[in-house]
C-alpha atoms as a PDB file:
ATOM      1  CA  MET A   1       3.536   1.290  15.767  1.00  0.00           C
ATOM      2  CA  ALA A   2       4.640   0.438  12.250  1.00  0.00           C
ATOM      3  CA  ARG A   3       3.653   2.771   9.449  1.00  0.00           C
ATOM      4  CA  SER A   4       1.417   1.393   6.774  1.00  0.00           C
ATOM      5  CA  ALA A   5       1.549   2.254   3.118  1.00  0.00           C
ATOM      6  CA  ALA A   6      -1.454   2.298   0.835  1.00  0.00           C
ATOM      7  CA  PHE A   7      -1.282   1.211  -2.768  1.00  0.00           C
ATOM      8  CA  SER A   8      -3.971   1.254  -5.435  1.00  0.00           C
ATOM      9  CA  MET A   9      -4.650  -0.248  -8.789  1.00  0.00           C
ATOM     10  CA  VAL A  10      -7.372  -0.361 -11.402  1.00  0.00           C
ATOM     11  CA  LEU A  11      -8.811  -3.465 -12.999  1.00  0.00           C
ATOM     12  CA  LEU A  12      -7.668  -4.487 -16.452  1.00  0.00           C
ATOM     13  CA  GLY A  13      -9.298  -3.247 -19.614  1.00  0.00           C
ATOM     14  CA  ASN A  14     -10.181  -0.012 -21.341  1.00  0.00           C
ATOM     15  CA  PRO A  15     -12.345   1.100 -19.732  1.00  0.00           C
ATOM     16  CA  SER A  16     -11.258  -0.432 -16.441  1.00  0.00           C
ATOM     17  CA  GLY A  17     -12.899  -3.780 -15.599  1.00  0.00           C
ATOM     18  CA  THR A  18     -13.719  -4.850 -19.121  1.00  0.00           C
ATOM     19  CA  GLU A  19     -11.229  -7.743 -19.216  1.00  0.00           C
ATOM     20  CA  THR A  20     -12.111 -11.014 -17.510  1.00  0.00           C
ATOM     21  CA  ILE A  21     -12.178 -10.894 -13.727  1.00  0.00           C
ATOM     22  CA  SER A  22      -9.667 -13.756 -13.636  1.00  0.00           C
ATOM     23  CA  GLU A  23      -7.232 -11.606 -15.655  1.00  0.00           C
ATOM     24  CA  SER A  24      -7.743  -8.791 -13.160  1.00  0.00           C
ATOM     25  CA  ALA A  25      -7.157 -11.314 -10.348  1.00  0.00           C
ATOM     26  CA  GLN A  26      -3.764 -12.092 -11.885  1.00  0.00           C
ATOM     27  CA  ALA A  27      -3.058  -8.353 -11.935  1.00  0.00           C
ATOM     28  CA  VAL A  28      -3.941  -8.286  -8.199  1.00  0.00           C
ATOM     29  CA  ALA A  29      -1.518 -11.164  -7.644  1.00  0.00           C
ATOM     30  CA  ASP A  30       1.218  -9.302  -9.505  1.00  0.00           C
ATOM     31  CA  LYS A  31       0.503  -6.096  -7.540  1.00  0.00           C
ATOM     32  CA  VAL A  32       0.605  -7.912  -4.178  1.00  0.00           C
ATOM     33  CA  ALA A  33       3.893  -9.592  -5.119  1.00  0.00           C
ATOM     34  CA  ASP A  34       5.318  -6.187  -6.088  1.00  0.00           C
ATOM     35  CA  ILE A  35       4.122  -4.590  -2.828  1.00  0.00           C
ATOM     36  CA  ARG A  36       5.585  -7.410  -0.756  1.00  0.00           C
ATOM     37  CA  GLN A  37       8.892  -7.118  -2.620  1.00  0.00           C
ATOM     38  CA  GLN A  38       8.979  -3.299  -2.193  1.00  0.00           C
ATOM     39  CA  THR A  39       8.009  -3.266   1.475  1.00  0.00           C
ATOM     40  CA  GLY A  40       9.235  -6.591   2.805  1.00  0.00           C
ATOM     41  CA  ALA A  41       5.753  -7.225   4.177  1.00  0.00           C
ATOM     42  CA  ARG A  42       4.791 -10.841   4.685  1.00  0.00           C
ATOM     43  CA  ARG A  43       1.090 -10.100   4.217  1.00  0.00           C
ATOM     44  CA  VAL A  44      -0.912  -7.389   2.483  1.00  0.00           C
ATOM     45  CA  ASP A  45      -4.443  -6.306   3.389  1.00  0.00           C
ATOM     46  CA  LEU A  46      -6.825  -6.107   0.429  1.00  0.00           C
ATOM     47  CA  VAL A  47      -9.675  -3.630   0.014  1.00  0.00           C
ATOM     48  CA  GLY A  48     -11.688  -3.834  -3.187  1.00  0.00           C
ATOM     49  CA  HIS A  49     -14.793  -2.091  -4.454  1.00  0.00           C
ATOM     50  CA  SER A  50     -17.443  -3.724  -6.635  1.00  0.00           C
ATOM     51  CA  MET A  51     -15.860  -5.934  -9.309  1.00  0.00           C
ATOM     52  CA  GLY A  52     -12.529  -5.368  -7.575  1.00  0.00           C
ATOM     53  CA  GLY A  53     -13.784  -7.424  -4.640  1.00  0.00           C
ATOM     54  CA  LEU A  54     -14.458 -10.334  -6.979  1.00  0.00           C
ATOM     55  CA  ALA A  55     -10.998 -10.045  -8.522  1.00  0.00           C
ATOM     56  CA  GLN A  56      -9.270 -10.025  -5.142  1.00  0.00           C
ATOM     57  CA  ARG A  57     -11.343 -12.986  -3.920  1.00  0.00           C
ATOM     58  CA  ASP A  58     -10.385 -14.945  -7.083  1.00  0.00           C
ATOM     59  CA  TYR A  59      -6.744 -14.140  -6.291  1.00  0.00           C
ATOM     60  CA  VAL A  60      -7.101 -15.367  -2.709  1.00  0.00           C
ATOM     61  CA  LYS A  61      -8.969 -18.564  -3.618  1.00  0.00           C
ATOM     62  CA  PHE A  62      -7.239 -19.680  -6.792  1.00  0.00           C
ATOM     63  CA  LEU A  63      -3.922 -17.871  -7.302  1.00  0.00           C
ATOM     64  CA  GLY A  64      -2.167 -18.568  -4.000  1.00  0.00           C
ATOM     65  CA  GLY A  65      -3.152 -15.311  -2.330  1.00  0.00           C
ATOM     66  CA  LEU A  66      -4.252 -16.837   0.951  1.00  0.00           C
ATOM     67  CA  ASP A  67      -0.648 -17.012   2.174  1.00  0.00           C
ATOM     68  CA  SER A  68       0.010 -13.382   1.244  1.00  0.00           C
ATOM     69  CA  VAL A  69      -3.149 -11.685   2.499  1.00  0.00           C
ATOM     70  CA  GLY A  70      -3.812 -10.414   6.015  1.00  0.00           C
ATOM     71  CA  SER A  71      -7.329  -9.010   5.915  1.00  0.00           C
ATOM     72  CA  TYR A  72      -9.755  -9.157   3.005  1.00  0.00           C
ATOM     73  CA  ILE A  73     -12.339  -6.401   2.688  1.00  0.00           C
ATOM     74  CA  ASP A  74     -14.734  -5.900  -0.153  1.00  0.00           C
ATOM     75  CA  TYR A  75     -17.424  -3.274  -0.348  1.00  0.00           C
ATOM     76  CA  GLY A  76     -20.204  -2.762  -2.794  1.00  0.00           C
ATOM     77  CA  THR A  77     -19.328  -6.138  -4.312  1.00  0.00           C
ATOM     78  CA  PRO A  78     -22.110  -8.151  -5.968  1.00  0.00           C
ATOM     79  CA  GLU A  79     -20.996 -11.535  -4.594  1.00  0.00           C
ATOM     80  CA  GLN A  80     -23.610 -13.458  -6.618  1.00  0.00           C
ATOM     81  CA  GLY A  81     -23.371 -11.158  -9.658  1.00  0.00           C
ATOM     82  CA  ASP A  82     -25.660  -8.446 -10.898  1.00  0.00           C
ATOM     83  CA  ASP A  83     -28.402  -8.674 -13.539  1.00  0.00           C
ATOM     84  CA  LEU A  84     -27.338  -5.229 -14.793  1.00  0.00           C
ATOM     85  CA  SER A  85     -24.139  -6.856 -16.086  1.00  0.00           C
ATOM     86  CA  SER A  86     -26.104  -8.195 -19.042  1.00  0.00           C
ATOM     87  CA  VAL A  87     -26.232  -4.624 -20.411  1.00  0.00           C
ATOM     88  CA  CYS A  88     -22.489  -4.640 -21.156  1.00  0.00           C
ATOM     89  CA  ALA A  89     -21.914  -8.404 -21.468  1.00  0.00           C
ATOM     90  CA  GLY A  90     -21.860  -8.207 -25.268  1.00  0.00           C
ATOM     91  CA  VAL A  91     -18.736  -6.061 -25.265  1.00  0.00           C
ATOM     92  CA  SER A  92     -17.085  -6.836 -21.935  1.00  0.00           C
ATOM     93  CA  PRO A  93     -15.777 -10.192 -20.693  1.00  0.00           C
ATOM     94  CA  GLY A  94     -15.721  -8.674 -17.185  1.00  0.00           C
ATOM     95  CA  CYS A  95     -19.454  -7.965 -17.411  1.00  0.00           C
ATOM     96  CA  ARG A  96     -20.096 -11.504 -18.651  1.00  0.00           C
ATOM     97  CA  ASP A  97     -18.291 -12.819 -15.575  1.00  0.00           C
ATOM     98  CA  MET A  98     -20.645 -10.811 -13.334  1.00  0.00           C
ATOM     99  CA  ILE A  99     -23.874 -12.250 -14.753  1.00  0.00           C
ATOM    100  CA  PRO A 100     -25.549 -14.317 -11.984  1.00  0.00           C
ATOM    101  CA  GLY A 101     -24.807 -18.006 -12.533  1.00  0.00           C
ATOM    102  CA  SER A 102     -21.856 -17.366 -14.867  1.00  0.00           C
ATOM    103  CA  PRO A 103     -19.126 -20.028 -14.915  1.00  0.00           C
ATOM    104  CA  PHE A 104     -16.802 -17.520 -13.198  1.00  0.00           C
ATOM    105  CA  LEU A 105     -19.213 -16.839 -10.311  1.00  0.00           C
ATOM    106  CA  THR A 106     -20.165 -20.513  -9.969  1.00  0.00           C
ATOM    107  CA  ARG A 107     -16.500 -21.395  -9.502  1.00  0.00           C
ATOM    108  CA  LEU A 108     -15.795 -18.406  -7.224  1.00  0.00           C
ATOM    109  CA  ASN A 109     -18.770 -19.040  -4.963  1.00  0.00           C
ATOM    110  CA  ALA A 110     -18.255 -22.800  -4.604  1.00  0.00           C
ATOM    111  CA  ASP A 111     -17.765 -23.769  -0.961  1.00  0.00           C
ATOM    112  CA  PRO A 112     -15.982 -22.323   0.747  1.00  0.00           C
ATOM    113  CA  ALA A 113     -16.697 -18.865  -0.686  1.00  0.00           C
ATOM    114  CA  VAL A 114     -14.026 -17.492   1.657  1.00  0.00           C
ATOM    115  CA  PRO A 115     -11.103 -19.759   2.490  1.00  0.00           C
ATOM    116  CA  PRO A 116     -11.038 -20.828   6.152  1.00  0.00           C
ATOM    117  CA  GLY A 117      -8.700 -18.751   8.297  1.00  0.00           C
ATOM    118  CA  LEU A 118      -9.029 -15.577   6.213  1.00  0.00           C
ATOM    119  CA  THR A 119     -10.318 -12.526   8.078  1.00  0.00           C
ATOM    120  CA  ALA A 120     -12.933 -11.276   5.603  1.00  0.00           C
ATOM    121  CA  TYR A 121     -15.475  -8.454   5.523  1.00  0.00           C
ATOM    122  CA  HIS A 122     -18.250  -7.700   3.050  1.00  0.00           C
ATOM    123  CA  LEU A 123     -19.535  -4.140   3.498  1.00  0.00           C
ATOM    124  CA  PHE A 124     -22.407  -2.718   1.503  1.00  0.00           C
ATOM    125  CA  SER A 125     -25.017  -0.006   1.124  1.00  0.00           C
ATOM    126  CA  GLU A 126     -28.601  -1.098   1.457  1.00  0.00           C
ATOM    127  CA  SER A 127     -29.579   1.495  -1.130  1.00  0.00           C
ATOM    128  CA  ALA A 128     -27.757  -0.540  -3.803  1.00  0.00           C
ATOM    129  CA  GLY A 129     -29.020  -3.781  -5.343  1.00  0.00           C
ATOM    130  CA  ALA A 130     -27.010  -6.975  -5.788  1.00  0.00           C
ATOM    131  CA  GLU A 131     -24.240  -6.013  -3.381  1.00  0.00           C
ATOM    132  CA  LYS A 132     -26.626  -6.754  -0.493  1.00  0.00           C
ATOM    133  CA  ASN A 133     -26.174 -10.507  -0.982  1.00  0.00           C
ATOM    134  CA  PRO A 134     -23.995 -11.847   1.843  1.00  0.00           C
ATOM    135  CA  LEU A 135     -20.558 -13.381   1.447  1.00  0.00           C
ATOM    136  CA  PRO A 136     -20.554 -16.701   3.355  1.00  0.00           C
ATOM    137  CA  GLY A 137     -17.566 -16.898   5.701  1.00  0.00           C
ATOM    138  CA  ALA A 138     -17.205 -13.120   5.985  1.00  0.00           C
ATOM    139  CA  THR A 139     -18.451 -10.509   8.420  1.00  0.00           C
ATOM    140  CA  ASN A 140     -21.322  -8.948   6.456  1.00  0.00           C
ATOM    141  CA  ALA A 141     -22.402  -5.437   7.433  1.00  0.00           C
ATOM    142  CA  SER A 142     -24.414  -2.660   5.859  1.00  0.00           C
ATOM    143  CA  ILE A 143     -23.821   1.037   6.322  1.00  0.00           C
ATOM    144  CA  ARG A 144     -27.419   1.363   7.488  1.00  0.00           C
ATOM    145  CA  SER A 145     -26.881  -1.155  10.299  1.00  0.00           C
ATOM    146  CA  PHE A 146     -24.543   1.474  11.793  1.00  0.00           C
ATOM    147  CA  CYS A 147     -26.153   4.639  10.391  1.00  0.00           C
ATOM    148  CA  PRO A 148     -29.947   4.131  10.175  1.00  0.00           C
ATOM    149  CA  GLY A 149     -31.474   5.956   7.250  1.00  0.00           C
ATOM    150  CA  ARG A 150     -28.115   6.606   5.583  1.00  0.00           C
ATOM    151  CA  MET A 151     -28.410   6.405   1.809  1.00  0.00           C
ATOM    152  CA  VAL A 152     -25.176   5.849  -0.101  1.00  0.00           C
ATOM    153  CA  SER A 153     -25.197   5.102  -3.788  1.00  0.00           C
ATOM    154  CA  HIS A 154     -22.907   2.480  -5.268  1.00  0.00           C
ATOM    155  CA  ALA A 155     -20.891   5.188  -7.035  1.00  0.00           C
ATOM    156  CA  ASP A 156     -20.472   7.182  -3.803  1.00  0.00           C
ATOM    157  CA  GLU A 157     -19.258   4.232  -1.677  1.00  0.00           C
ATOM    158  CA  PRO A 158     -15.534   4.941  -2.230  1.00  0.00           C
ATOM    159  CA  VAL A 159     -15.889   8.438  -0.785  1.00  0.00           C
ATOM    160  CA  ALA A 160     -18.554   7.824   1.892  1.00  0.00           C
ATOM    161  CA  SER A 161     -16.929   8.725   5.201  1.00  0.00           C
ATOM    162  CA  ALA A 162     -19.028   6.255   7.224  1.00  0.00           C
ATOM    163  CA  LEU A 163     -17.929   3.399   4.946  1.00  0.00           C
ATOM    164  CA  ARG A 164     -14.324   4.530   5.076  1.00  0.00           C
ATOM    165  CA  GLN A 165     -14.489   4.475   8.880  1.00  0.00           C
ATOM    166  CA  LEU A 166     -15.866   0.913   8.805  1.00  0.00           C
ATOM    167  CA  ILE A 167     -13.016  -0.129   6.513  1.00  0.00           C
ATOM    168  CA  ASP A 168     -10.478   1.577   8.786  1.00  0.00           C
ATOM    169  CA  SER A 169     -11.761  -0.221  11.875  1.00  0.00           C
ATOM    170  CA  ALA A 170     -11.671  -3.564  10.036  1.00  0.00           C
ATOM    171  CA  LEU A 171      -8.091  -2.935   8.923  1.00  0.00           C
ATOM    172  CA  ARG A 172      -7.095  -2.164  12.515  1.00  0.00           C
ATOM    173  CA  GLY A 173      -8.673  -5.437  13.659  1.00  0.00           C
ATOM    174  CA  ALA A 174     -11.101  -3.500  15.844  1.00  0.00           C
ATOM    175  CA  PRO A 175     -14.871  -3.977  16.020  1.00  0.00           C
ATOM    176  CA  LEU A 176     -16.578  -2.304  13.053  1.00  0.00           C
ATOM    177  CA  ALA A 177     -17.422   1.269  14.014  1.00  0.00           C
ATOM    178  CA  THR A 178     -18.302   4.643  12.509  1.00  0.00           C
ATOM    179  CA  ASN A 179     -19.504   7.967  13.858  1.00  0.00           C
ATOM    180  CA  CYS A 180     -21.730   8.228  10.747  1.00  0.00           C
ATOM    181  CA  SER A 181     -20.226  11.578   9.755  1.00  0.00           C
END
């Protein structure tokens, strides 16, 4: 079995995510190209949280990422945007992009939302708001559908063990599974 390496990045801006999501998508493209060059991998699996999921989907759809991506997983991602983005929209282009109906989201969500042939997952917590909207063309699954009664806040999703187990099973190409620990 080949060893896998994990790489991470943060979205553009100070604070992170304040630049346009398309600019962050270009940073994802650059990161994937760097990873492929470093490792010799033909394809890279993507896992993105919240706005990061939108940036990686923009990369896959519009910046040539489809040929370089194995599996696409987003979690806690507001696929149709989030009304709360209006709070920071005055100072953050990234927030403006996440306003429901924004030009960015209209373009991103145009059919097909997920390019055909891409193995895609949209995982979410039912205790959070806008991230519950499904991603057409992806396997959509909530933590609660596996762990009834489990409450996970949006901020806690990156460290929630049940969600991490779901992500791990998706990356292995296995049926989604967790022991809800």
